[in-house]
Protein backbone atom coordinates (compact mmCIF):
# COMPACT_ATOMS: atom_id res chain seq x y z
CA UNK A 1 129.45 212.63 135.45
CA UNK A 2 126.49 210.38 135.91
CA UNK A 3 124.82 209.68 132.78
CA UNK A 4 120.91 210.10 132.48
CA UNK A 5 118.94 207.03 132.01
CA UNK A 6 118.62 206.18 128.47
CA UNK A 7 114.94 206.54 127.50
CA UNK A 8 114.04 206.40 123.71
CA UNK A 9 111.22 205.73 121.74
CA UNK A 10 111.30 202.03 121.22
CA UNK A 11 111.26 200.32 117.80
CA UNK A 12 107.74 199.31 118.19
CA UNK A 13 106.87 202.95 118.90
CA UNK A 14 108.56 204.35 116.13
CA UNK A 15 107.13 201.63 113.79
CA UNK A 16 103.76 202.86 114.74
CA UNK A 17 104.48 206.71 114.16
CA UNK A 18 103.36 207.92 110.91
CA UNK A 19 106.45 207.80 108.38
CA UNK A 20 106.68 211.79 108.33
CA UNK A 21 106.79 211.90 112.28
CA UNK A 22 109.71 209.61 112.73
CA UNK A 23 113.14 210.74 114.14
CA UNK A 24 114.73 210.65 110.65
CA UNK A 25 112.15 213.09 109.13
CA UNK A 26 111.83 215.15 112.34
CA UNK A 27 115.42 216.03 113.26
CA UNK A 28 116.26 217.18 109.76
CA UNK A 29 113.07 219.29 109.54
CA UNK A 30 113.85 220.98 113.13
CA UNK A 31 117.58 221.86 111.98
CA UNK A 32 116.47 223.15 108.62
CA UNK A 33 113.60 225.21 110.23
CA UNK A 34 116.31 226.93 112.91
CA UNK A 35 119.37 227.93 110.68
CA UNK A 36 119.69 230.84 113.35
CA UNK A 37 119.93 228.59 116.15
CA UNK A 38 122.43 226.28 114.38
CA UNK A 39 124.58 229.19 113.39
CA UNK A 40 124.82 230.88 116.48
CA UNK A 41 127.02 227.82 117.50
CA UNK A 42 129.38 227.96 114.97
CA UNK A 43 133.01 229.25 115.38
CA UNK A 44 132.21 229.80 119.36
CA UNK A 45 134.83 230.23 122.19
CA UNK A 46 133.99 229.46 125.86
CA UNK A 47 134.11 233.01 126.90
CA UNK A 48 131.94 234.43 123.94
CA UNK A 49 129.65 231.50 124.46
CA UNK A 50 129.40 232.85 128.17
CA UNK A 51 128.65 236.18 127.04
CA UNK A 52 125.90 234.98 124.94
CA UNK A 53 124.50 233.04 127.36
CA UNK A 54 124.10 235.88 129.78
CA UNK A 55 122.48 237.76 127.41
CA UNK A 56 119.97 235.23 126.09
CA UNK A 57 118.91 234.67 129.78
CA UNK A 58 117.57 238.29 130.00
CA UNK A 59 114.13 238.82 128.53
CA UNK A 60 115.39 240.83 125.44
CA UNK A 61 114.54 238.02 123.08
CA UNK A 62 116.90 235.59 121.37
CA UNK A 63 117.57 237.25 118.35
CA UNK A 64 118.50 240.59 119.98
CA UNK A 65 120.75 238.37 122.15
CA UNK A 66 122.31 236.88 118.99
CA UNK A 67 122.99 240.30 117.56
CA UNK A 68 124.26 241.82 120.86
CA UNK A 69 126.70 238.84 121.32
CA UNK A 70 127.75 239.55 117.66
CA UNK A 71 128.45 243.05 118.41
CA UNK A 72 130.61 242.51 121.38
CA UNK A 73 132.85 240.26 119.28
CA UNK A 74 133.24 242.89 116.47
CA UNK A 75 133.95 245.28 118.99
CA UNK A 76 137.21 242.83 119.93
CA UNK A 77 135.71 242.45 123.40
CA UNK A 78 136.34 238.61 122.82
CA UNK A 79 138.43 237.99 126.27
CA UNK A 80 137.59 238.68 129.94
CA UNK A 81 140.63 241.03 129.76
CA UNK A 82 139.21 243.14 126.68
CA UNK A 83 135.83 243.21 128.05
CA UNK A 84 136.91 244.19 131.60
CA UNK A 85 139.05 246.89 130.02
CA UNK A 86 136.07 248.21 128.24
CA UNK A 87 133.93 251.28 129.51
CA UNK A 88 130.59 250.59 130.69
CA UNK A 89 129.00 253.31 128.86
CA UNK A 90 130.50 251.85 125.86
CA UNK A 91 129.14 248.55 126.33
CA UNK A 92 125.82 249.91 126.97
CA UNK A 93 125.70 251.83 123.81
CA UNK A 94 126.77 248.90 121.60
CA UNK A 95 124.27 246.69 123.07
CA UNK A 96 121.74 249.14 122.50
CA UNK A 97 122.84 249.74 118.73
CA UNK A 98 122.54 245.99 118.34
CA UNK A 99 118.76 246.22 119.37
CA UNK A 100 119.22 245.04 122.95
CA UNK A 101 117.96 248.34 124.35
CA UNK A 102 115.43 246.66 126.97
CA UNK A 103 118.24 245.63 129.31
CA UNK A 104 121.41 247.13 127.68
CA UNK A 105 122.43 248.76 131.09
CA UNK A 106 121.92 245.77 133.10
CA UNK A 107 123.68 243.69 130.60
CA UNK A 108 126.68 246.29 130.33
CA UNK A 109 127.15 245.98 133.96
CA UNK A 110 126.93 242.42 134.57
CA UNK A 111 129.26 241.53 131.56
CA UNK A 112 131.77 244.14 132.92
CA UNK A 113 131.48 242.32 136.36
CA UNK A 114 131.82 238.78 135.03
CA UNK A 115 135.02 239.68 132.80
CA UNK A 116 136.42 241.50 136.09
CA UNK A 117 135.51 238.29 138.23
CA UNK A 118 137.15 236.08 135.78
CA UNK A 119 140.41 238.35 135.59
CA UNK A 120 140.53 238.60 139.53
CA UNK A 121 139.81 235.03 140.57
CA UNK A 122 140.92 232.69 137.30
CA UNK A 123 143.64 234.93 135.52
CA UNK A 124 141.21 235.99 132.95
CA UNK A 125 140.95 232.15 132.09
CA UNK A 126 137.78 230.40 131.61
CA UNK A 127 139.31 227.21 131.56
CA UNK A 128 141.10 227.80 134.93
CA UNK A 129 137.15 227.85 136.19
CA UNK A 130 136.71 224.59 134.43
CA UNK A 131 139.71 222.97 136.01
CA UNK A 132 138.81 224.37 139.45
CA UNK A 133 135.33 222.34 139.10
CA UNK A 134 137.66 219.17 138.19
CA UNK A 135 135.32 218.78 135.22
CA UNK A 136 132.40 218.23 137.46
CA UNK A 137 129.15 219.33 135.81
CA UNK A 138 127.59 220.43 139.31
CA UNK A 139 130.59 222.08 140.60
CA UNK A 140 131.20 223.93 137.36
CA UNK A 141 127.63 225.18 137.85
CA UNK A 142 127.81 226.33 141.39
CA UNK A 143 131.15 228.38 140.32
CA UNK A 144 129.28 230.17 137.22
CA UNK A 145 126.36 230.95 139.45
CA UNK A 146 128.96 233.02 141.63
CA UNK A 147 129.46 235.40 138.68
CA UNK A 148 126.93 238.23 138.63
CA UNK A 149 124.11 237.71 136.11
CA UNK A 150 124.63 234.09 135.87
CA UNK A 151 121.61 231.80 137.10
CA UNK A 152 120.48 228.46 136.24
CA UNK A 153 119.08 229.86 133.02
CA UNK A 154 122.32 231.35 131.88
CA UNK A 155 124.21 228.41 133.03
CA UNK A 156 121.86 225.64 131.06
CA UNK A 157 122.47 227.94 127.88
CA UNK A 158 126.19 227.94 128.27
CA UNK A 159 126.14 223.92 129.00
CA UNK A 160 124.02 223.55 125.82
CA UNK A 161 126.39 225.44 123.62
CA UNK A 162 129.85 224.61 125.21
CA UNK A 163 129.36 220.67 125.47
CA UNK A 164 131.32 219.77 122.21
CA UNK A 165 134.26 222.09 123.46
CA UNK A 166 133.77 220.60 127.22
CA UNK A 167 132.89 217.02 126.61
CA UNK A 168 132.36 216.22 130.29
CA UNK A 169 128.68 218.13 129.80
CA UNK A 170 127.72 215.98 126.95
CA UNK A 171 125.04 215.02 126.35
CA UNK A 172 123.15 218.00 128.00
CA UNK A 173 119.58 219.04 127.20
CA UNK A 174 117.64 221.74 129.53
CA UNK A 175 114.23 221.48 130.52
CA UNK A 176 112.69 223.52 127.38
CA UNK A 177 114.57 220.98 124.84
CA UNK A 178 113.34 218.07 126.84
CA UNK A 179 109.79 219.26 126.69
CA UNK A 180 110.06 219.57 122.95
CA UNK A 181 111.62 216.26 122.52
CA UNK A 182 108.64 214.61 124.65
CA UNK A 183 106.11 216.31 122.22
CA UNK A 184 107.81 215.45 119.03
CA UNK A 185 108.64 211.59 120.30
CA UNK A 186 112.01 211.95 120.42
CA UNK A 187 112.64 210.67 123.89
CA UNK A 188 112.64 212.20 127.29
CA UNK A 189 116.10 212.40 128.54
CA UNK A 190 119.31 214.09 126.91
CA UNK A 191 120.87 210.47 126.09
CA UNK A 192 117.81 209.51 124.19
CA UNK A 193 118.04 212.60 121.99
CA UNK A 194 121.87 212.21 121.46
CA UNK A 195 121.21 208.72 120.32
CA UNK A 196 119.03 209.85 117.44
CA UNK A 197 122.00 212.05 115.80
CA UNK A 198 125.78 212.39 115.29
CA UNK A 199 127.44 213.94 117.95
CA UNK A 200 128.49 217.06 116.17
CA UNK A 201 124.95 217.88 115.51
CA UNK A 202 123.41 217.35 119.04
CA UNK A 203 124.09 221.24 120.42
CA UNK A 204 122.21 222.06 117.33
CA UNK A 205 119.36 219.90 117.72
CA UNK A 206 119.10 220.77 121.38
CA UNK A 207 119.03 224.79 120.34
CA UNK A 208 116.47 223.82 117.62
CA UNK A 209 114.21 222.15 120.09
CA UNK A 210 114.49 224.94 122.63
CA UNK A 211 113.69 227.53 120.07
CA UNK A 212 110.52 225.29 119.08
CA UNK A 213 109.26 225.03 122.18
CA UNK A 214 110.03 228.77 123.04
CA UNK A 215 108.09 229.83 120.09
CA UNK A 216 105.33 227.18 120.47
CA UNK A 217 105.91 226.37 116.57
CA UNK A 218 104.54 222.94 116.56
CA UNK A 219 101.99 223.43 114.16
CA UNK A 220 104.24 225.07 111.67
CA UNK A 221 106.60 222.21 112.08
CA UNK A 222 103.69 219.88 111.40
CA UNK A 223 103.03 221.54 108.40
CA UNK A 224 106.41 221.37 106.81
CA UNK A 225 106.55 217.71 107.56
CA UNK A 226 103.14 217.07 106.09
CA UNK A 227 104.07 219.09 102.96
């Protein structure tokens, strides 16, 4: 994997920032303001992560996608075999009940197609797909995009959330996270951001940056930092 160029604020740049705008203040504020983004990454498995990435990529809203992903797990659809064996109408009903009504029918169909493809081509083992990619991120992205319903947005979300379990992806930050990081003077590459926090915190920080950018929540963050 080719690592991105490390570009982080220089010591001089950071020294010129107001104390409440420096990374050591901004990063804890981001994580504290986005507990849902952090919590979504706890106790994850690669398969459930892929399911949630597909749900998040649709225009249904992050909160609805998170509830829908949790609903799939409660139903016991925690593996390709179990999800592939479920009824499409049942999947749709579960998604609708979780508040994922806008895209429930399409998502139910695509989730079933994803599970069946993993069963047919990879023995129901997402790690087999990873091995086929020889742990190369570009090859892995190409294989993921062969799955119905997985495009670049879903692949980005999956990479972002799975990177501690699949370390060949670390550090990964998508364009939304990088846009937020630049606005907050945290650097302009995934490596720069990773250099500002412990490795276990990095996916949580990236998720919080994405949520901040998607909600355009910079003013609220500024107020919290100024309090």
